[in-house]
Amino acid sequence: PFEALHRVQAVPTAGIETRFRAPSRHGDQLT
């Protein structure tokens, strides 16, 4: 868990690429 990991280490995001396919609306259930 992050609360244990982040005491002395971390896992930052070094790179990210995202494609948005369709909008999501209030109340939508995402997986």
PDB file of all heavy atoms in Angstrom:
ATOM      1  N   PRO A   1       0.822  -1.211   0.000  1.00  0.00           N
ATOM      2  CA  PRO A   1       0.000   0.000   0.000  1.00  0.00           C
ATOM      3  C   PRO A   1       0.858   1.263   0.000  1.00  0.00           C
ATOM      4  O   PRO A   1       1.960   1.301   0.552  1.00  0.00           O
ATOM      5  CB  PRO A   1      -0.819  -0.115   1.288  1.00  0.00           C
ATOM      6  CG  PRO A   1      -0.075  -1.067   2.148  1.00  0.00           C
ATOM      7  CD  PRO A   1       0.685  -1.987   1.230  1.00  0.00           C
ATOM      8  N   PHE A   2       0.338   2.290  -0.636  1.00  0.00           N
ATOM      9  CA  PHE A   2       1.056   3.556  -0.737  1.00  0.00           C
ATOM     10  C   PHE A   2       1.451   4.106   0.630  1.00  0.00           C
ATOM     11  O   PHE A   2       2.507   4.713   0.766  1.00  0.00           O
ATOM     12  CB  PHE A   2       0.219   4.585  -1.498  1.00  0.00           C
ATOM     13  CG  PHE A   2       0.396   4.561  -2.988  1.00  0.00           C
ATOM     14  CD1 PHE A   2       0.946   3.473  -3.651  1.00  0.00           C
ATOM     15  CD2 PHE A   2      -0.006   5.645  -3.746  1.00  0.00           C
ATOM     16  CE1 PHE A   2       1.103   3.468  -5.030  1.00  0.00           C
ATOM     17  CE2 PHE A   2       0.138   5.655  -5.135  1.00  0.00           C
ATOM     18  CZ  PHE A   2       0.701   4.565  -5.764  1.00  0.00           C
ATOM     19  N   GLU A   3       0.604   3.895   1.643  1.00  0.00           N
ATOM     20  CA  GLU A   3       0.950   4.454   2.954  1.00  0.00           C
ATOM     21  C   GLU A   3       2.206   3.806   3.530  1.00  0.00           C
ATOM     22  O   GLU A   3       2.920   4.426   4.328  1.00  0.00           O
ATOM     23  CB  GLU A   3      -0.217   4.382   3.945  1.00  0.00           C
ATOM     24  CG  GLU A   3      -0.714   2.983   4.238  1.00  0.00           C
ATOM     25  CD  GLU A   3      -1.844   2.525   3.334  1.00  0.00           C
ATOM     26  OE1 GLU A   3      -2.056   3.091   2.244  1.00  0.00           O
ATOM     27  OE2 GLU A   3      -2.531   1.565   3.736  1.00  0.00           O
ATOM     28  N   ALA A   4       2.530   2.592   3.125  1.00  0.00           N
ATOM     29  CA  ALA A   4       3.790   1.947   3.526  1.00  0.00           C
ATOM     30  C   ALA A   4       4.903   2.327   2.551  1.00  0.00           C
ATOM     31  O   ALA A   4       6.002   2.722   2.967  1.00  0.00           O
ATOM     32  CB  ALA A   4       3.624   0.430   3.583  1.00  0.00           C
ATOM     33  N   LEU A   5       4.639   2.219   1.281  1.00  0.00           N
ATOM     34  CA  LEU A   5       5.623   2.522   0.237  1.00  0.00           C
ATOM     35  C   LEU A   5       6.137   3.948   0.351  1.00  0.00           C
ATOM     36  O   LEU A   5       7.339   4.208   0.295  1.00  0.00           O
ATOM     37  CB  LEU A   5       4.990   2.288  -1.140  1.00  0.00           C
ATOM     38  CG  LEU A   5       5.690   2.857  -2.368  1.00  0.00           C
ATOM     39  CD1 LEU A   5       7.056   2.232  -2.563  1.00  0.00           C
ATOM     40  CD2 LEU A   5       4.834   2.660  -3.599  1.00  0.00           C
ATOM     41  N   HIS A   6       5.245   4.898   0.536  1.00  0.00           N
ATOM     42  CA  HIS A   6       5.619   6.309   0.492  1.00  0.00           C
ATOM     43  C   HIS A   6       6.296   6.816   1.760  1.00  0.00           C
ATOM     44  O   HIS A   6       6.627   8.006   1.828  1.00  0.00           O
ATOM     45  CB  HIS A   6       4.397   7.156   0.150  1.00  0.00           C
ATOM     46  CG  HIS A   6       4.050   7.087  -1.305  1.00  0.00           C
ATOM     47  ND1 HIS A   6       3.166   7.940  -1.887  1.00  0.00           N
ATOM     48  CD2 HIS A   6       4.464   6.261  -2.296  1.00  0.00           C
ATOM     49  CE1 HIS A   6       3.056   7.654  -3.173  1.00  0.00           C
ATOM     50  NE2 HIS A   6       3.819   6.628  -3.435  1.00  0.00           N
ATOM     51  N   ARG A   7       6.549   5.949   2.714  1.00  0.00           N
ATOM     52  CA  ARG A   7       7.324   6.373   3.889  1.00  0.00           C
ATOM     53  C   ARG A   7       8.763   6.693   3.501  1.00  0.00           C
ATOM     54  O   ARG A   7       9.353   7.625   4.045  1.00  0.00           O
ATOM     55  CB  ARG A   7       7.288   5.299   4.972  1.00  0.00           C
ATOM     56  CG  ARG A   7       5.955   5.209   5.657  1.00  0.00           C
ATOM     57  CD  ARG A   7       5.985   4.250   6.840  1.00  0.00           C
ATOM     58  NE  ARG A   7       4.635   4.121   7.347  1.00  0.00           N
ATOM     59  CZ  ARG A   7       4.026   2.963   7.543  1.00  0.00           C
ATOM     60  NH1 ARG A   7       4.654   1.830   7.325  1.00  0.00           N
ATOM     61  NH2 ARG A   7       2.787   2.934   7.980  1.00  0.00           N
ATOM     62  N   VAL A   8       9.331   5.922   2.584  1.00  0.00           N
ATOM     63  CA  VAL A   8      10.735   6.134   2.191  1.00  0.00           C
ATOM     64  C   VAL A   8      10.947   6.078   0.681  1.00  0.00           C
ATOM     65  O   VAL A   8      12.048   6.346   0.204  1.00  0.00           O
ATOM     66  CB  VAL A   8      11.673   5.112   2.873  1.00  0.00           C
ATOM     67  CG1 VAL A   8      11.713   5.323   4.371  1.00  0.00           C
ATOM     68  CG2 VAL A   8      11.277   3.692   2.534  1.00  0.00           C
ATOM     69  N   GLN A   9       9.927   5.711  -0.073  1.00  0.00           N
ATOM     70  CA  GLN A   9      10.029   5.603  -1.521  1.00  0.00           C
ATOM     71  C   GLN A   9       8.778   6.205  -2.151  1.00  0.00           C
ATOM     72  O   GLN A   9       7.870   6.647  -1.442  1.00  0.00           O
ATOM     73  CB  GLN A   9      10.172   4.132  -1.937  1.00  0.00           C
ATOM     74  CG  GLN A   9      11.457   3.501  -1.444  1.00  0.00           C
ATOM     75  CD  GLN A   9      11.436   1.995  -1.599  1.00  0.00           C
ATOM     76  OE1 GLN A   9      10.546   1.335  -1.073  1.00  0.00           O
ATOM     77  NE2 GLN A   9      12.425   1.461  -2.293  1.00  0.00           N
ATOM     78  N   ALA A  10       8.739   6.191  -3.481  1.00  0.00           N
ATOM     79  CA  ALA A  10       7.558   6.668  -4.211  1.00  0.00           C
ATOM     80  C   ALA A  10       7.570   6.036  -5.595  1.00  0.00           C
ATOM     81  O   ALA A  10       8.580   5.474  -6.019  1.00  0.00           O
ATOM     82  CB  ALA A  10       7.562   8.191  -4.315  1.00  0.00           C
ATOM     83  N   VAL A  11       6.445   6.128  -6.289  1.00  0.00           N
ATOM     84  CA  VAL A  11       6.341   5.629  -7.657  1.00  0.00           C
ATOM     85  C   VAL A  11       5.719   6.717  -8.540  1.00  0.00           C
ATOM     86  O   VAL A  11       4.577   6.599  -8.976  1.00  0.00           O
ATOM     87  CB  VAL A  11       5.548   4.302  -7.759  1.00  0.00           C
ATOM     88  CG1 VAL A  11       6.375   3.138  -7.287  1.00  0.00           C
ATOM     89  CG2 VAL A  11       4.232   4.380  -7.010  1.00  0.00           C
ATOM     90  N   PRO A  12       6.480   7.769  -8.825  1.00  0.00           N
ATOM     91  CA  PRO A  12       5.939   8.817  -9.687  1.00  0.00           C
ATOM     92  C   PRO A  12       5.751   8.327 -11.117  1.00  0.00           C
ATOM     93  O   PRO A  12       6.404   7.377 -11.562  1.00  0.00           O
ATOM     94  CB  PRO A  12       7.005   9.917  -9.618  1.00  0.00           C
ATOM     95  CG  PRO A  12       8.262   9.206  -9.270  1.00  0.00           C
ATOM     96  CD  PRO A  12       7.849   8.051  -8.397  1.00  0.00           C
ATOM     97  N   THR A  13       4.871   9.000 -11.818  1.00  0.00           N
ATOM     98  CA  THR A  13       4.645   8.730 -13.229  1.00  0.00           C
ATOM     99  C   THR A  13       5.708   9.484 -14.028  1.00  0.00           C
ATOM    100  O   THR A  13       5.806  10.705 -13.936  1.00  0.00           O
ATOM    101  CB  THR A  13       3.233   9.187 -13.646  1.00  0.00           C
ATOM    102  OG1 THR A  13       2.278   8.472 -12.856  1.00  0.00           O
ATOM    103  CG2 THR A  13       2.973   8.928 -15.112  1.00  0.00           C
ATOM    104  N   ALA A  14       6.492   8.733 -14.802  1.00  0.00           N
ATOM    105  CA  ALA A  14       7.565   9.333 -15.593  1.00  0.00           C
ATOM    106  C   ALA A  14       7.095   9.717 -16.994  1.00  0.00           C
ATOM    107  O   ALA A  14       7.697  10.563 -17.644  1.00  0.00           O
ATOM    108  CB  ALA A  14       8.743   8.369 -15.686  1.00  0.00           C
ATOM    109  N   GLY A  15       6.047   9.082 -17.464  1.00  0.00           N
ATOM    110  CA  GLY A  15       5.500   9.384 -18.781  1.00  0.00           C
ATOM    111  C   GLY A  15       4.086   8.858 -18.869  1.00  0.00           C
ATOM    112  O   GLY A  15       3.754   7.857 -18.236  1.00  0.00           O
ATOM    113  N   ILE A  16       3.263   9.574 -19.635  1.00  0.00           N
ATOM    114  CA  ILE A  16       1.877   9.148 -19.776  1.00  0.00           C
ATOM    115  C   ILE A  16       1.335   9.647 -21.116  1.00  0.00           C
ATOM    116  O   ILE A  16       1.666  10.753 -21.550  1.00  0.00           O
ATOM    117  CB  ILE A  16       1.007   9.649 -18.594  1.00  0.00           C
ATOM    118  CG1 ILE A  16      -0.364   8.970 -18.576  1.00  0.00           C
ATOM    119  CG2 ILE A  16       0.896  11.158 -18.590  1.00  0.00           C
ATOM    120  CD1 ILE A  16      -1.118   9.142 -17.261  1.00  0.00           C
ATOM    121  N   GLU A  17       0.548   8.804 -21.753  1.00  0.00           N
ATOM    122  CA  GLU A  17      -0.114   9.175 -22.999  1.00  0.00           C
ATOM    123  C   GLU A  17      -1.542   8.663 -22.916  1.00  0.00           C
ATOM    124  O   GLU A  17      -1.771   7.479 -22.660  1.00  0.00           O
ATOM    125  CB  GLU A  17       0.588   8.539 -24.198  1.00  0.00           C
ATOM    126  CG  GLU A  17      -0.027   8.918 -25.522  1.00  0.00           C
ATOM    127  CD  GLU A  17       0.701   8.298 -26.691  1.00  0.00           C
ATOM    128  OE1 GLU A  17       1.893   7.993 -26.585  1.00  0.00           O
ATOM    129  OE2 GLU A  17       0.037   8.102 -27.736  1.00  0.00           O
ATOM    130  N   THR A  18      -2.489   9.565 -23.117  1.00  0.00           N
ATOM    131  CA  THR A  18      -3.901   9.223 -22.931  1.00  0.00           C
ATOM    132  C   THR A  18      -4.715   9.630 -24.148  1.00  0.00           C
ATOM    133  O   THR A  18      -4.493  10.680 -24.732  1.00  0.00           O
ATOM    134  CB  THR A  18      -4.451   9.936 -21.671  1.00  0.00           C
ATOM    135  OG1 THR A  18      -3.633   9.590 -20.560  1.00  0.00           O
ATOM    136  CG2 THR A  18      -5.891   9.546 -21.398  1.00  0.00           C
ATOM    137  N   ARG A  19      -5.652   8.758 -24.463  1.00  0.00           N
ATOM    138  CA  ARG A  19      -6.611   9.051 -25.541  1.00  0.00           C
ATOM    139  C   ARG A  19      -8.012   8.980 -24.932  1.00  0.00           C
ATOM    140  O   ARG A  19      -8.391   7.959 -24.358  1.00  0.00           O
ATOM    141  CB  ARG A  19      -6.463   8.041 -26.659  1.00  0.00           C
ATOM    142  CG  ARG A  19      -7.401   8.318 -27.801  1.00  0.00           C
ATOM    143  CD  ARG A  19      -7.109   7.403 -28.972  1.00  0.00           C
ATOM    144  NE  ARG A  19      -8.046   7.665 -30.019  1.00  0.00           N
ATOM    145  CZ  ARG A  19      -7.776   8.359 -31.113  1.00  0.00           C
ATOM    146  NH1 ARG A  19      -6.578   8.851 -31.296  1.00  0.00           N
ATOM    147  NH2 ARG A  19      -8.697   8.555 -32.019  1.00  0.00           N
ATOM    148  N   PHE A  20      -8.741  10.082 -25.074  1.00  0.00           N
ATOM    149  CA  PHE A  20     -10.097  10.153 -24.553  1.00  0.00           C
ATOM    150  C   PHE A  20     -11.050   9.755 -25.670  1.00  0.00           C
ATOM    151  O   PHE A  20     -11.058  10.353 -26.731  1.00  0.00           O
ATOM    152  CB  PHE A  20     -10.392  11.561 -24.038  1.00  0.00           C
ATOM    153  CG  PHE A  20      -9.446  11.984 -22.948  1.00  0.00           C
ATOM    154  CD1 PHE A  20      -8.391  12.836 -23.217  1.00  0.00           C
ATOM    155  CD2 PHE A  20      -9.587  11.489 -21.665  1.00  0.00           C
ATOM    156  CE1 PHE A  20      -7.508  13.216 -22.222  1.00  0.00           C
ATOM    157  CE2 PHE A  20      -8.706  11.850 -20.660  1.00  0.00           C
ATOM    158  CZ  PHE A  20      -7.653  12.726 -20.944  1.00  0.00           C
ATOM    159  N   ARG A  21     -11.857   8.721 -25.423  1.00  0.00           N
ATOM    160  CA  ARG A  21     -12.717   8.151 -26.456  1.00  0.00           C
ATOM    161  C   ARG A  21     -14.133   8.724 -26.451  1.00  0.00           C
ATOM    162  O   ARG A  21     -14.728   8.909 -27.499  1.00  0.00           O
ATOM    163  CB  ARG A  21     -12.808   6.636 -26.278  1.00  0.00           C
ATOM    164  CG  ARG A  21     -11.488   5.929 -26.278  1.00  0.00           C
ATOM    165  CD  ARG A  21     -11.089   5.653 -27.674  1.00  0.00           C
ATOM    166  NE  ARG A  21      -9.818   4.941 -27.714  1.00  0.00           N
ATOM    167  CZ  ARG A  21      -9.129   4.810 -28.808  1.00  0.00           C
ATOM    168  NH1 ARG A  21      -9.567   5.312 -29.932  1.00  0.00           N
ATOM    169  NH2 ARG A  21      -7.989   4.184 -28.793  1.00  0.00           N
ATOM    170  N   ALA A  22     -14.678   8.953 -25.273  1.00  0.00           N
ATOM    171  CA  ALA A  22     -16.050   9.458 -25.149  1.00  0.00           C
ATOM    172  C   ALA A  22     -16.186  10.126 -23.789  1.00  0.00           C
ATOM    173  O   ALA A  22     -15.478   9.763 -22.851  1.00  0.00           O
ATOM    174  CB  ALA A  22     -17.058   8.313 -25.281  1.00  0.00           C
ATOM    175  N   PRO A  23     -17.076  11.088 -23.676  1.00  0.00           N
ATOM    176  CA  PRO A  23     -17.245  11.768 -22.390  1.00  0.00           C
ATOM    177  C   PRO A  23     -17.945  10.887 -21.355  1.00  0.00           C
ATOM    178  O   PRO A  23     -18.701   9.975 -21.700  1.00  0.00           O
ATOM    179  CB  PRO A  23     -18.110  12.984 -22.735  1.00  0.00           C
ATOM    180  CG  PRO A  23     -18.851  12.585 -23.966  1.00  0.00           C
ATOM    181  CD  PRO A  23     -17.947  11.642 -24.712  1.00  0.00           C
ATOM    182  N   SER A  24     -17.651  11.171 -20.107  1.00  0.00           N
ATOM    183  CA  SER A  24     -18.353  10.526 -18.991  1.00  0.00           C
ATOM    184  C   SER A  24     -19.135  11.607 -18.261  1.00  0.00           C
ATOM    185  O   SER A  24     -18.712  12.760 -18.199  1.00  0.00           O
ATOM    186  CB  SER A  24     -17.356   9.866 -18.036  1.00  0.00           C
ATOM    187  OG  SER A  24     -16.660   8.837 -18.678  1.00  0.00           O
ATOM    188  N   ARG A  25     -20.263  11.192 -17.704  1.00  0.00           N
ATOM    189  CA  ARG A  25     -21.162  12.142 -17.049  1.00  0.00           C
ATOM    190  C   ARG A  25     -21.391  11.759 -15.584  1.00  0.00           C
ATOM    191  O   ARG A  25     -21.203  10.607 -15.200  1.00  0.00           O
ATOM    192  CB  ARG A  25     -22.495  12.186 -17.791  1.00  0.00           C
ATOM    193  CG  ARG A  25     -22.322  12.611 -19.234  1.00  0.00           C
ATOM    194  CD  ARG A  25     -23.649  12.798 -19.962  1.00  0.00           C
ATOM    195  NE  ARG A  25     -23.419  13.152 -21.350  1.00  0.00           N
ATOM    196  CZ  ARG A  25     -23.001  14.336 -21.783  1.00  0.00           C
ATOM    197  NH1 ARG A  25     -22.773  15.299 -20.915  1.00  0.00           N
ATOM    198  NH2 ARG A  25     -22.808  14.569 -23.064  1.00  0.00           N
ATOM    199  N   HIS A  26     -21.830  12.753 -14.839  1.00  0.00           N
ATOM    200  CA  HIS A  26     -22.130  12.562 -13.417  1.00  0.00           C
ATOM    201  C   HIS A  26     -23.028  11.338 -13.240  1.00  0.00           C
ATOM    202  O   HIS A  26     -24.047  11.200 -13.901  1.00  0.00           O
ATOM    203  CB  HIS A  26     -22.815  13.828 -12.892  1.00  0.00           C
ATOM    204  CG  HIS A  26     -22.985  13.842 -11.421  1.00  0.00           C
ATOM    205  ND1 HIS A  26     -23.839  14.695 -10.796  1.00  0.00           N
ATOM    206  CD2 HIS A  26     -22.414  13.129 -10.435  1.00  0.00           C
ATOM    207  CE1 HIS A  26     -23.800  14.506  -9.492  1.00  0.00           C
ATOM    208  NE2 HIS A  26     -22.935  13.556  -9.247  1.00  0.00           N
ATOM    209  N   GLY A  27     -22.605  10.430 -12.364  1.00  0.00           N
ATOM    210  CA  GLY A  27     -23.375   9.223 -12.078  1.00  0.00           C
ATOM    211  C   GLY A  27     -22.949   8.002 -12.864  1.00  0.00           C
ATOM    212  O   GLY A  27     -23.326   6.878 -12.518  1.00  0.00           O
ATOM    213  N   ASP A  28     -22.170   8.180 -13.939  1.00  0.00           N
ATOM    214  CA  ASP A  28     -21.702   7.016 -14.707  1.00  0.00           C
ATOM    215  C   ASP A  28     -20.875   6.096 -13.816  1.00  0.00           C
ATOM    216  O   ASP A  28     -20.127   6.556 -12.944  1.00  0.00           O
ATOM    217  CB  ASP A  28     -20.833   7.437 -15.900  1.00  0.00           C
ATOM    218  CG  ASP A  28     -21.630   7.973 -17.072  1.00  0.00           C
ATOM    219  OD1 ASP A  28     -22.874   7.922 -17.031  1.00  0.00           O
ATOM    220  OD2 ASP A  28     -20.992   8.459 -18.032  1.00  0.00           O
ATOM    221  N   GLN A  29     -21.019   4.820 -14.045  1.00  0.00           N
ATOM    222  CA  GLN A  29     -20.237   3.805 -13.324  1.00  0.00           C
ATOM    223  C   GLN A  29     -19.122   3.336 -14.263  1.00  0.00           C
ATOM    224  O   GLN A  29     -19.378   2.628 -15.226  1.00  0.00           O
ATOM    225  CB  GLN A  29     -21.126   2.619 -12.927  1.00  0.00           C
ATOM    226  CG  GLN A  29     -22.240   2.975 -11.976  1.00  0.00           C
ATOM    227  CD  GLN A  29     -21.746   3.235 -10.560  1.00  0.00           C
ATOM    228  OE1 GLN A  29     -20.677   2.815 -10.155  1.00  0.00           O
ATOM    229  NE2 GLN A  29     -22.559   3.938  -9.790  1.00  0.00           N
ATOM    230  N   LEU A  30     -17.911   3.750 -13.971  1.00  0.00           N
ATOM    231  CA  LEU A  30     -16.766   3.382 -14.794  1.00  0.00           C
ATOM    232  C   LEU A  30     -16.058   2.166 -14.215  1.00  0.00           C
ATOM    233  O   LEU A  30     -16.044   1.968 -12.997  1.00  0.00           O
ATOM    234  CB  LEU A  30     -15.754   4.528 -14.884  1.00  0.00           C
ATOM    235  CG  LEU A  30     -16.255   5.873 -15.381  1.00  0.00           C
ATOM    236  CD1 LEU A  30     -15.118   6.881 -15.384  1.00  0.00           C
ATOM    237  CD2 LEU A  30     -16.886   5.748 -16.754  1.00  0.00           C
ATOM    238  N   THR A  31     -15.455   1.387 -15.082  1.00  0.00           N
ATOM    239  CA  THR A  31     -14.541   0.324 -14.690  1.00  0.00           C
ATOM    240  C   THR A  31     -13.202   0.645 -15.321  1.00  0.00           C
ATOM    241  O   THR A  31     -13.108   0.779 -16.544  1.00  0.00           O
ATOM    242  CB  THR A  31     -15.031  -1.057 -15.161  1.00  0.00           C
ATOM    243  OG1 THR A  31     -16.318  -1.299 -14.590  1.00  0.00           O
ATOM    244  CG2 THR A  31     -14.066  -2.151 -14.744  1.00  0.00           C
TER     245      THR A  31
END
